[in-house]
């Protein structure tokens, strides 16, 4: 009978092109090939998987970055595949839509939890199980933000599988009733599947648009501007956080609910 470990140890290289033994103890996850390319340029390391669904690179200090694509099913896939070797911590660097009037493009958000509106996570744990990050990881990331004098928010985000919803007033009204600070497509899945697989996990989100108003909806031009102004610092905070938590941070222990 085939085991999950056998599957993931075969499939992690199949999806990323990178051998399991080249993955590091700490992993940055992202939706953007550009983040992987910048990481590789910064550390002079090779990018694997240019012809695969996912791209990955690992620096000489044992920090890995993976572009897993967009959406909750892909997020669940990579969080399952990482059980091939059980990393010590995973931090997702993603973008989100700000839903509060106090939100500004370029703000950072450290989610304290996520509403499981995407459905994917229901295949892993009952729907009433909350989607939560690993507190010690987020505490360390918040310290890196403070060190840089960067403003950030905490709150609950809403994760959805639906990408095109900005025109739908009923969806938006329901969204308001849940009181989230932001909306995204991966966080709840990463938190739940990470919990199921006993992987410490967190997320640092960059507010890239304000989609509850017509003038705030993301366009090609506005997204390119956000990336130009904020993606470098976003990536750098992730790199600093996971590099230094291995050296200075507290041990992150996993507890079942």
C-alpha atoms as a PDB file:
ATOM      1  CA  UNK A   1       0.000   0.000   0.000  1.00  0.00           C
ATOM      2  CA  UNK A   2       1.430   3.377  -1.009  1.00  0.00           C
ATOM      3  CA  UNK A   3       2.148   5.863   1.787  1.00  0.00           C
ATOM      4  CA  UNK A   4       1.802   9.640   1.817  1.00  0.00           C
ATOM      5  CA  UNK A   5       5.539   9.984   2.451  1.00  0.00           C
ATOM      6  CA  UNK A   6       6.360   7.902  -0.621  1.00  0.00           C
ATOM      7  CA  UNK A   7       4.062  10.066  -2.733  1.00  0.00           C
ATOM      8  CA  UNK A   8       5.365  13.407  -1.484  1.00  0.00           C
ATOM      9  CA  UNK A   9       9.036  12.432  -1.725  1.00  0.00           C
ATOM     10  CA  UNK A  10       8.451  11.535  -5.371  1.00  0.00           C
ATOM     11  CA  UNK A  11       6.103  14.409  -6.193  1.00  0.00           C
ATOM     12  CA  UNK A  12       7.920  17.329  -4.544  1.00  0.00           C
ATOM     13  CA  UNK A  13      10.790  17.036  -7.077  1.00  0.00           C
ATOM     14  CA  UNK A  14       8.286  16.305  -9.847  1.00  0.00           C
ATOM     15  CA  UNK A  15       6.439  19.573  -9.230  1.00  0.00           C
ATOM     16  CA  UNK A  16       9.484  21.756  -8.508  1.00  0.00           C
ATOM     17  CA  UNK A  17      12.377  20.087 -10.315  1.00  0.00           C
ATOM     18  CA  UNK A  18      14.438  20.343  -7.115  1.00  0.00           C
ATOM     19  CA  UNK A  19      15.648  17.215  -5.250  1.00  0.00           C
ATOM     20  CA  UNK A  20      14.202  16.766  -1.759  1.00  0.00           C
ATOM     21  CA  UNK A  21      17.659  16.949  -0.174  1.00  0.00           C
ATOM     22  CA  UNK A  22      18.142  20.481  -1.538  1.00  0.00           C
ATOM     23  CA  UNK A  23      15.147  21.877   0.368  1.00  0.00           C
ATOM     24  CA  UNK A  24      15.952  23.870   3.505  1.00  0.00           C
ATOM     25  CA  UNK A  25      14.549  23.759   7.032  1.00  0.00           C
ATOM     26  CA  UNK A  26      12.782  27.089   6.503  1.00  0.00           C
ATOM     27  CA  UNK A  27      10.578  27.801   3.488  1.00  0.00           C
ATOM     28  CA  UNK A  28       9.196  30.982   1.954  1.00  0.00           C
ATOM     29  CA  UNK A  29       6.095  30.428  -0.153  1.00  0.00           C
ATOM     30  CA  UNK A  30       4.944  32.900  -2.771  1.00  0.00           C
ATOM     31  CA  UNK A  31       2.723  33.294  -5.832  1.00  0.00           C
ATOM     32  CA  UNK A  32       5.324  35.139  -7.853  1.00  0.00           C
ATOM     33  CA  UNK A  33       8.125  33.895 -10.089  1.00  0.00           C
ATOM     34  CA  UNK A  34       9.764  37.294  -9.701  1.00  0.00           C
ATOM     35  CA  UNK A  35      10.262  36.654  -5.978  1.00  0.00           C
ATOM     36  CA  UNK A  36      12.104  33.421  -6.771  1.00  0.00           C
ATOM     37  CA  UNK A  37      14.230  35.165  -9.394  1.00  0.00           C
ATOM     38  CA  UNK A  38      15.108  38.001  -7.009  1.00  0.00           C
ATOM     39  CA  UNK A  39      15.947  35.507  -4.273  1.00  0.00           C
ATOM     40  CA  UNK A  40      18.246  33.588  -6.629  1.00  0.00           C
ATOM     41  CA  UNK A  41      19.941  36.780  -7.825  1.00  0.00           C
ATOM     42  CA  UNK A  42      20.435  37.961  -4.249  1.00  0.00           C
ATOM     43  CA  UNK A  43      22.131  34.751  -3.126  1.00  0.00           C
ATOM     44  CA  UNK A  44      23.626  33.521  -6.386  1.00  0.00           C
ATOM     45  CA  UNK A  45      21.736  30.217  -6.290  1.00  0.00           C
ATOM     46  CA  UNK A  46      20.090  28.142  -8.996  1.00  0.00           C
ATOM     47  CA  UNK A  47      16.370  28.244  -9.800  1.00  0.00           C
ATOM     48  CA  UNK A  48      14.823  24.829 -10.304  1.00  0.00           C
ATOM     49  CA  UNK A  49      11.559  24.035 -12.059  1.00  0.00           C
ATOM     50  CA  UNK A  50      11.526  26.659 -14.778  1.00  0.00           C
ATOM     51  CA  UNK A  51       9.660  24.102 -16.900  1.00  0.00           C
ATOM     52  CA  UNK A  52       7.544  22.803 -13.988  1.00  0.00           C
ATOM     53  CA  UNK A  53       4.341  23.987 -12.285  1.00  0.00           C
ATOM     54  CA  UNK A  54       6.397  25.337  -9.365  1.00  0.00           C
ATOM     55  CA  UNK A  55       9.802  27.000  -9.149  1.00  0.00           C
ATOM     56  CA  UNK A  56      12.170  26.693  -6.192  1.00  0.00           C
ATOM     57  CA  UNK A  57      15.590  27.820  -4.991  1.00  0.00           C
ATOM     58  CA  UNK A  58      17.665  27.313  -1.831  1.00  0.00           C
ATOM     59  CA  UNK A  59      20.471  29.547  -0.622  1.00  0.00           C
ATOM     60  CA  UNK A  60      23.681  28.472   1.102  1.00  0.00           C
ATOM     61  CA  UNK A  61      22.133  29.069   4.549  1.00  0.00           C
ATOM     62  CA  UNK A  62      19.383  26.528   3.968  1.00  0.00           C
ATOM     63  CA  UNK A  63      16.508  28.916   3.233  1.00  0.00           C
ATOM     64  CA  UNK A  64      14.201  27.794   0.432  1.00  0.00           C
ATOM     65  CA  UNK A  65      11.692  29.768  -1.615  1.00  0.00           C
ATOM     66  CA  UNK A  66       8.905  28.180  -3.679  1.00  0.00           C
ATOM     67  CA  UNK A  67       6.484  29.768  -6.134  1.00  0.00           C
ATOM     68  CA  UNK A  68       3.485  27.432  -5.913  1.00  0.00           C
ATOM     69  CA  UNK A  69       1.114  29.395  -8.137  1.00  0.00           C
ATOM     70  CA  UNK A  70      -2.240  30.952  -7.287  1.00  0.00           C
ATOM     71  CA  UNK A  71      -5.196  29.666  -5.304  1.00  0.00           C
ATOM     72  CA  UNK A  72      -6.177  27.372  -2.488  1.00  0.00           C
ATOM     73  CA  UNK A  73      -5.779  24.019  -4.292  1.00  0.00           C
ATOM     74  CA  UNK A  74      -2.169  24.886  -5.144  1.00  0.00           C
ATOM     75  CA  UNK A  75      -1.594  26.084  -1.570  1.00  0.00           C
ATOM     76  CA  UNK A  76      -2.867  22.765  -0.227  1.00  0.00           C
ATOM     77  CA  UNK A  77      -0.703  20.878  -2.705  1.00  0.00           C
ATOM     78  CA  UNK A  78       2.555  22.526  -1.653  1.00  0.00           C
ATOM     79  CA  UNK A  79       1.730  22.196   2.061  1.00  0.00           C
ATOM     80  CA  UNK A  80       1.174  18.479   1.470  1.00  0.00           C
ATOM     81  CA  UNK A  81       4.303  18.090  -0.657  1.00  0.00           C
ATOM     82  CA  UNK A  82       6.478  19.694   2.020  1.00  0.00           C
ATOM     83  CA  UNK A  83       5.715  16.747   4.307  1.00  0.00           C
ATOM     84  CA  UNK A  84       8.314  14.943   2.173  1.00  0.00           C
ATOM     85  CA  UNK A  85      10.839  16.272   4.669  1.00  0.00           C
ATOM     86  CA  UNK A  86       8.894  18.331   7.293  1.00  0.00           C
ATOM     87  CA  UNK A  87      10.410  21.844   7.316  1.00  0.00           C
ATOM     88  CA  UNK A  88      10.690  23.678  10.632  1.00  0.00           C
ATOM     89  CA  UNK A  89       8.624  26.668   9.491  1.00  0.00           C
ATOM     90  CA  UNK A  90       6.853  28.016   6.408  1.00  0.00           C
ATOM     91  CA  UNK A  91       6.055  31.696   5.760  1.00  0.00           C
ATOM     92  CA  UNK A  92       3.714  32.724   2.948  1.00  0.00           C
ATOM     93  CA  UNK A  93       4.466  36.027   1.210  1.00  0.00           C
ATOM     94  CA  UNK A  94       1.293  36.972  -0.637  1.00  0.00           C
ATOM     95  CA  UNK A  95      -0.822  39.900  -1.714  1.00  0.00           C
ATOM     96  CA  UNK A  96      -4.319  40.690  -0.499  1.00  0.00           C
ATOM     97  CA  UNK A  97      -7.157  43.124  -0.975  1.00  0.00           C
ATOM     98  CA  UNK A  98      -7.671  45.549   1.896  1.00  0.00           C
ATOM     99  CA  UNK A  99     -11.280  45.691   3.111  1.00  0.00           C
ATOM    100  CA  UNK A 100     -11.163  48.366   5.816  1.00  0.00           C
ATOM    101  CA  UNK A 101     -11.174  52.119   5.316  1.00  0.00           C
ATOM    102  CA  UNK A 102      -7.986  52.321   7.346  1.00  0.00           C
ATOM    103  CA  UNK A 103      -6.208  50.031   4.888  1.00  0.00           C
ATOM    104  CA  UNK A 104      -3.751  51.581   2.499  1.00  0.00           C
ATOM    105  CA  UNK A 105      -1.972  50.091  -0.479  1.00  0.00           C
ATOM    106  CA  UNK A 106       1.488  49.083   0.688  1.00  0.00           C
ATOM    107  CA  UNK A 107       0.360  48.190   4.223  1.00  0.00           C
ATOM    108  CA  UNK A 108       1.487  44.847   5.596  1.00  0.00           C
ATOM    109  CA  UNK A 109      -0.903  42.461   7.334  1.00  0.00           C
ATOM    110  CA  UNK A 110      -0.036  39.675   9.760  1.00  0.00           C
ATOM    111  CA  UNK A 111      -3.237  37.600   9.903  1.00  0.00           C
ATOM    112  CA  UNK A 112      -4.241  36.331  13.355  1.00  0.00           C
ATOM    113  CA  UNK A 113      -6.643  33.935  11.643  1.00  0.00           C
ATOM    114  CA  UNK A 114      -8.583  33.316   8.451  1.00  0.00           C
ATOM    115  CA  UNK A 115     -12.213  32.649   7.571  1.00  0.00           C
ATOM    116  CA  UNK A 116     -12.367  29.405   5.627  1.00  0.00           C
ATOM    117  CA  UNK A 117     -14.417  30.558   2.658  1.00  0.00           C
ATOM    118  CA  UNK A 118     -12.380  28.650   0.098  1.00  0.00           C
ATOM    119  CA  UNK A 119     -13.653  25.109   0.680  1.00  0.00           C
ATOM    120  CA  UNK A 120     -10.327  23.406  -0.016  1.00  0.00           C
ATOM    121  CA  UNK A 121      -9.425  23.187   3.664  1.00  0.00           C
ATOM    122  CA  UNK A 122     -12.634  21.248   4.365  1.00  0.00           C
ATOM    123  CA  UNK A 123     -10.936  18.198   2.863  1.00  0.00           C
ATOM    124  CA  UNK A 124      -8.387  18.323   5.697  1.00  0.00           C
ATOM    125  CA  UNK A 125     -10.169  19.299   8.916  1.00  0.00           C
ATOM    126  CA  UNK A 126     -13.815  19.900   9.928  1.00  0.00           C
ATOM    127  CA  UNK A 127     -15.049  23.360   8.962  1.00  0.00           C
ATOM    128  CA  UNK A 128     -15.388  24.470  12.590  1.00  0.00           C
ATOM    129  CA  UNK A 129     -11.641  24.078  13.194  1.00  0.00           C
ATOM    130  CA  UNK A 130     -10.171  27.607  13.057  1.00  0.00           C
ATOM    131  CA  UNK A 131      -7.481  28.519  10.546  1.00  0.00           C
ATOM    132  CA  UNK A 132      -4.658  29.895  12.685  1.00  0.00           C
ATOM    133  CA  UNK A 133      -0.957  30.686  12.201  1.00  0.00           C
ATOM    134  CA  UNK A 134       1.869  29.659  14.519  1.00  0.00           C
ATOM    135  CA  UNK A 135       2.067  32.489  17.049  1.00  0.00           C
ATOM    136  CA  UNK A 136       5.821  32.334  17.686  1.00  0.00           C
ATOM    137  CA  UNK A 137       6.547  32.671  13.974  1.00  0.00           C
ATOM    138  CA  UNK A 138       4.289  35.710  13.645  1.00  0.00           C
ATOM    139  CA  UNK A 139       5.771  37.254  16.781  1.00  0.00           C
ATOM    140  CA  UNK A 140       9.213  37.060  15.184  1.00  0.00           C
ATOM    141  CA  UNK A 141       8.016  38.477  11.849  1.00  0.00           C
ATOM    142  CA  UNK A 142       6.332  41.385  13.668  1.00  0.00           C
ATOM    143  CA  UNK A 143       9.667  42.182  15.273  1.00  0.00           C
ATOM    144  CA  UNK A 144      11.307  42.420  11.855  1.00  0.00           C
ATOM    145  CA  UNK A 145       8.595  44.861  10.724  1.00  0.00           C
ATOM    146  CA  UNK A 146       9.078  46.995  13.821  1.00  0.00           C
ATOM    147  CA  UNK A 147      12.853  47.004  13.296  1.00  0.00           C
ATOM    148  CA  UNK A 148      12.247  48.580   9.877  1.00  0.00           C
ATOM    149  CA  UNK A 149       9.712  51.099  11.271  1.00  0.00           C
ATOM    150  CA  UNK A 150       7.060  49.659   8.962  1.00  0.00           C
ATOM    151  CA  UNK A 151       3.381  50.046   9.773  1.00  0.00           C
ATOM    152  CA  UNK A 152       1.401  46.818   9.817  1.00  0.00           C
ATOM    153  CA  UNK A 153      -2.048  45.527  10.750  1.00  0.00           C
ATOM    154  CA  UNK A 154      -3.328  42.380  12.392  1.00  0.00           C
ATOM    155  CA  UNK A 155      -6.765  40.870  11.962  1.00  0.00           C
ATOM    156  CA  UNK A 156      -8.742  38.106  10.338  1.00  0.00           C
ATOM    157  CA  UNK A 157      -8.597  37.646   6.569  1.00  0.00           C
ATOM    158  CA  UNK A 158     -11.218  36.008   4.371  1.00  0.00           C
ATOM    159  CA  UNK A 159      -9.921  33.324   2.004  1.00  0.00           C
ATOM    160  CA  UNK A 160     -11.945  32.572  -1.109  1.00  0.00           C
ATOM    161  CA  UNK A 161     -11.599  30.371  -4.186  1.00  0.00           C
ATOM    162  CA  UNK A 162     -13.428  32.994  -6.220  1.00  0.00           C
ATOM    163  CA  UNK A 163     -11.154  35.374  -8.110  1.00  0.00           C
ATOM    164  CA  UNK A 164     -13.632  37.519 -10.050  1.00  0.00           C
ATOM    165  CA  UNK A 165     -16.102  38.879  -7.496  1.00  0.00           C
ATOM    166  CA  UNK A 166     -15.586  42.649  -7.441  1.00  0.00           C
ATOM    167  CA  UNK A 167     -18.720  43.182  -9.574  1.00  0.00           C
ATOM    168  CA  UNK A 168     -20.957  41.078  -7.300  1.00  0.00           C
ATOM    169  CA  UNK A 169     -22.727  43.274  -4.736  1.00  0.00           C
ATOM    170  CA  UNK A 170     -24.277  40.308  -2.900  1.00  0.00           C
ATOM    171  CA  UNK A 171     -20.853  38.713  -2.399  1.00  0.00           C
ATOM    172  CA  UNK A 172     -19.472  42.045  -1.180  1.00  0.00           C
ATOM    173  CA  UNK A 173     -22.321  42.512   1.269  1.00  0.00           C
ATOM    174  CA  UNK A 174     -21.751  39.046   2.709  1.00  0.00           C
ATOM    175  CA  UNK A 175     -18.062  39.829   2.938  1.00  0.00           C
ATOM    176  CA  UNK A 176     -18.770  42.959   4.985  1.00  0.00           C
ATOM    177  CA  UNK A 177     -20.833  40.919   7.450  1.00  0.00           C
ATOM    178  CA  UNK A 178     -17.854  38.640   8.213  1.00  0.00           C
ATOM    179  CA  UNK A 179     -15.776  41.685   9.326  1.00  0.00           C
ATOM    180  CA  UNK A 180     -12.428  40.621   7.786  1.00  0.00           C
ATOM    181  CA  UNK A 181      -9.546  43.046   7.411  1.00  0.00           C
ATOM    182  CA  UNK A 182      -8.547  41.668   3.998  1.00  0.00           C
ATOM    183  CA  UNK A 183      -9.365  39.061   1.353  1.00  0.00           C
ATOM    184  CA  UNK A 184      -7.015  36.566  -0.289  1.00  0.00           C
ATOM    185  CA  UNK A 185      -7.006  33.122  -1.920  1.00  0.00           C
ATOM    186  CA  UNK A 186      -4.505  31.050   0.073  1.00  0.00           C
ATOM    187  CA  UNK A 187      -4.065  31.931   3.757  1.00  0.00           C
ATOM    188  CA  UNK A 188      -6.796  29.780   5.347  1.00  0.00           C
ATOM    189  CA  UNK A 189      -5.653  26.785   3.318  1.00  0.00           C
ATOM    190  CA  UNK A 190      -2.015  27.203   4.301  1.00  0.00           C
ATOM    191  CA  UNK A 191      -2.954  27.546   7.970  1.00  0.00           C
ATOM    192  CA  UNK A 192      -5.287  24.533   8.044  1.00  0.00           C
ATOM    193  CA  UNK A 193      -3.205  22.169   5.929  1.00  0.00           C
ATOM    194  CA  UNK A 194      -0.104  23.250   7.822  1.00  0.00           C
ATOM    195  CA  UNK A 195      -1.851  22.408  11.075  1.00  0.00           C
ATOM    196  CA  UNK A 196      -3.026  19.064   9.714  1.00  0.00           C
ATOM    197  CA  UNK A 197       0.515  18.239   8.574  1.00  0.00           C
ATOM    198  CA  UNK A 198       2.156  19.561  11.759  1.00  0.00           C
ATOM    199  CA  UNK A 199       4.108  22.283   9.965  1.00  0.00           C
ATOM    200  CA  UNK A 200       4.618  25.661  11.668  1.00  0.00           C
ATOM    201  CA  UNK A 201       3.172  28.294   9.336  1.00  0.00           C
ATOM    202  CA  UNK A 202       2.544  31.997   8.963  1.00  0.00           C
ATOM    203  CA  UNK A 203       1.731  34.658   6.408  1.00  0.00           C
ATOM    204  CA  UNK A 204       2.884  38.182   5.682  1.00  0.00           C
ATOM    205  CA  UNK A 205       0.480  39.856   3.287  1.00  0.00           C
ATOM    206  CA  UNK A 206       0.971  42.996   1.226  1.00  0.00           C
ATOM    207  CA  UNK A 207      -2.142  45.089   0.549  1.00  0.00           C
ATOM    208  CA  UNK A 208      -2.139  45.485  -3.219  1.00  0.00           C
ATOM    209  CA  UNK A 209      -5.633  46.861  -3.831  1.00  0.00           C
ATOM    210  CA  UNK A 210      -8.807  48.139  -2.133  1.00  0.00           C
ATOM    211  CA  UNK A 211     -11.436  46.145  -4.041  1.00  0.00           C
ATOM    212  CA  UNK A 212     -14.604  47.237  -2.225  1.00  0.00           C
ATOM    213  CA  UNK A 213     -14.640  50.491  -4.216  1.00  0.00           C
ATOM    214  CA  UNK A 214     -14.528  50.737  -8.034  1.00  0.00           C
ATOM    215  CA  UNK A 215     -11.501  53.042  -7.990  1.00  0.00           C
ATOM    216  CA  UNK A 216      -9.630  50.627  -5.709  1.00  0.00           C
ATOM    217  CA  UNK A 217      -9.934  47.506  -7.868  1.00  0.00           C
ATOM    218  CA  UNK A 218      -6.626  46.079  -9.047  1.00  0.00           C
ATOM    219  CA  UNK A 219      -5.529  46.668 -12.641  1.00  0.00           C
ATOM    220  CA  UNK A 220      -2.395  45.646 -14.526  1.00  0.00           C
ATOM    221  CA  UNK A 221      -1.018  49.131 -14.074  1.00  0.00           C
ATOM    222  CA  UNK A 222      -1.795  49.460 -10.363  1.00  0.00           C
ATOM    223  CA  UNK A 223      -0.466  45.986  -9.561  1.00  0.00           C
ATOM    224  CA  UNK A 224       2.781  46.700 -11.392  1.00  0.00           C
ATOM    225  CA  UNK A 225       3.166  49.896  -9.361  1.00  0.00           C
ATOM    226  CA  UNK A 226       2.650  48.047  -6.061  1.00  0.00           C
ATOM    227  CA  UNK A 227       5.182  45.404  -7.060  1.00  0.00           C
ATOM    228  CA  UNK A 228       7.721  48.047  -8.049  1.00  0.00           C
ATOM    229  CA  UNK A 229       7.395  49.932  -4.753  1.00  0.00           C
ATOM    230  CA  UNK A 230       6.868  47.156  -2.204  1.00  0.00           C
ATOM    231  CA  UNK A 231       7.800  43.674  -3.424  1.00  0.00           C
ATOM    232  CA  UNK A 232      11.514  44.025  -2.644  1.00  0.00           C
ATOM    233  CA  UNK A 233      10.952  44.955   0.997  1.00  0.00           C
ATOM    234  CA  UNK A 234       8.248  42.269   1.262  1.00  0.00           C
ATOM    235  CA  UNK A 235      10.709  39.608   0.153  1.00  0.00           C
ATOM    236  CA  UNK A 236      13.520  40.994   2.305  1.00  0.00           C
ATOM    237  CA  UNK A 237      11.394  40.858   5.457  1.00  0.00           C
ATOM    238  CA  UNK A 238      10.541  37.233   4.712  1.00  0.00           C
ATOM    239  CA  UNK A 239      14.204  36.370   4.154  1.00  0.00           C
ATOM    240  CA  UNK A 240      15.321  38.136   7.335  1.00  0.00           C
ATOM    241  CA  UNK A 241      12.545  36.576   9.406  1.00  0.00           C
ATOM    242  CA  UNK A 242      13.182  32.958   8.461  1.00  0.00           C
ATOM    243  CA  UNK A 243      16.956  33.322   8.408  1.00  0.00           C
ATOM    244  CA  UNK A 244      17.122  34.828  11.871  1.00  0.00           C
ATOM    245  CA  UNK A 245      14.439  32.715  13.528  1.00  0.00           C
ATOM    246  CA  UNK A 246      16.642  29.703  12.889  1.00  0.00           C
ATOM    247  CA  UNK A 247      19.525  31.472  14.610  1.00  0.00           C
ATOM    248  CA  UNK A 248      17.825  33.513  17.349  1.00  0.00           C
ATOM    249  CA  UNK A 249      14.184  32.547  17.570  1.00  0.00           C
ATOM    250  CA  UNK A 250      12.401  30.305  20.027  1.00  0.00           C
ATOM    251  CA  UNK A 251      11.708  26.721  19.031  1.00  0.00           C
ATOM    252  CA  UNK A 252       8.334  26.534  17.303  1.00  0.00           C
ATOM    253  CA  UNK A 253       6.413  23.578  18.682  1.00  0.00           C
ATOM    254  CA  UNK A 254       3.309  22.145  17.071  1.00  0.00           C
ATOM    255  CA  UNK A 255       0.320  21.317  19.246  1.00  0.00           C
ATOM    256  CA  UNK A 256      -2.847  19.597  18.127  1.00  0.00           C
ATOM    257  CA  UNK A 257      -6.095  21.316  19.089  1.00  0.00           C
END
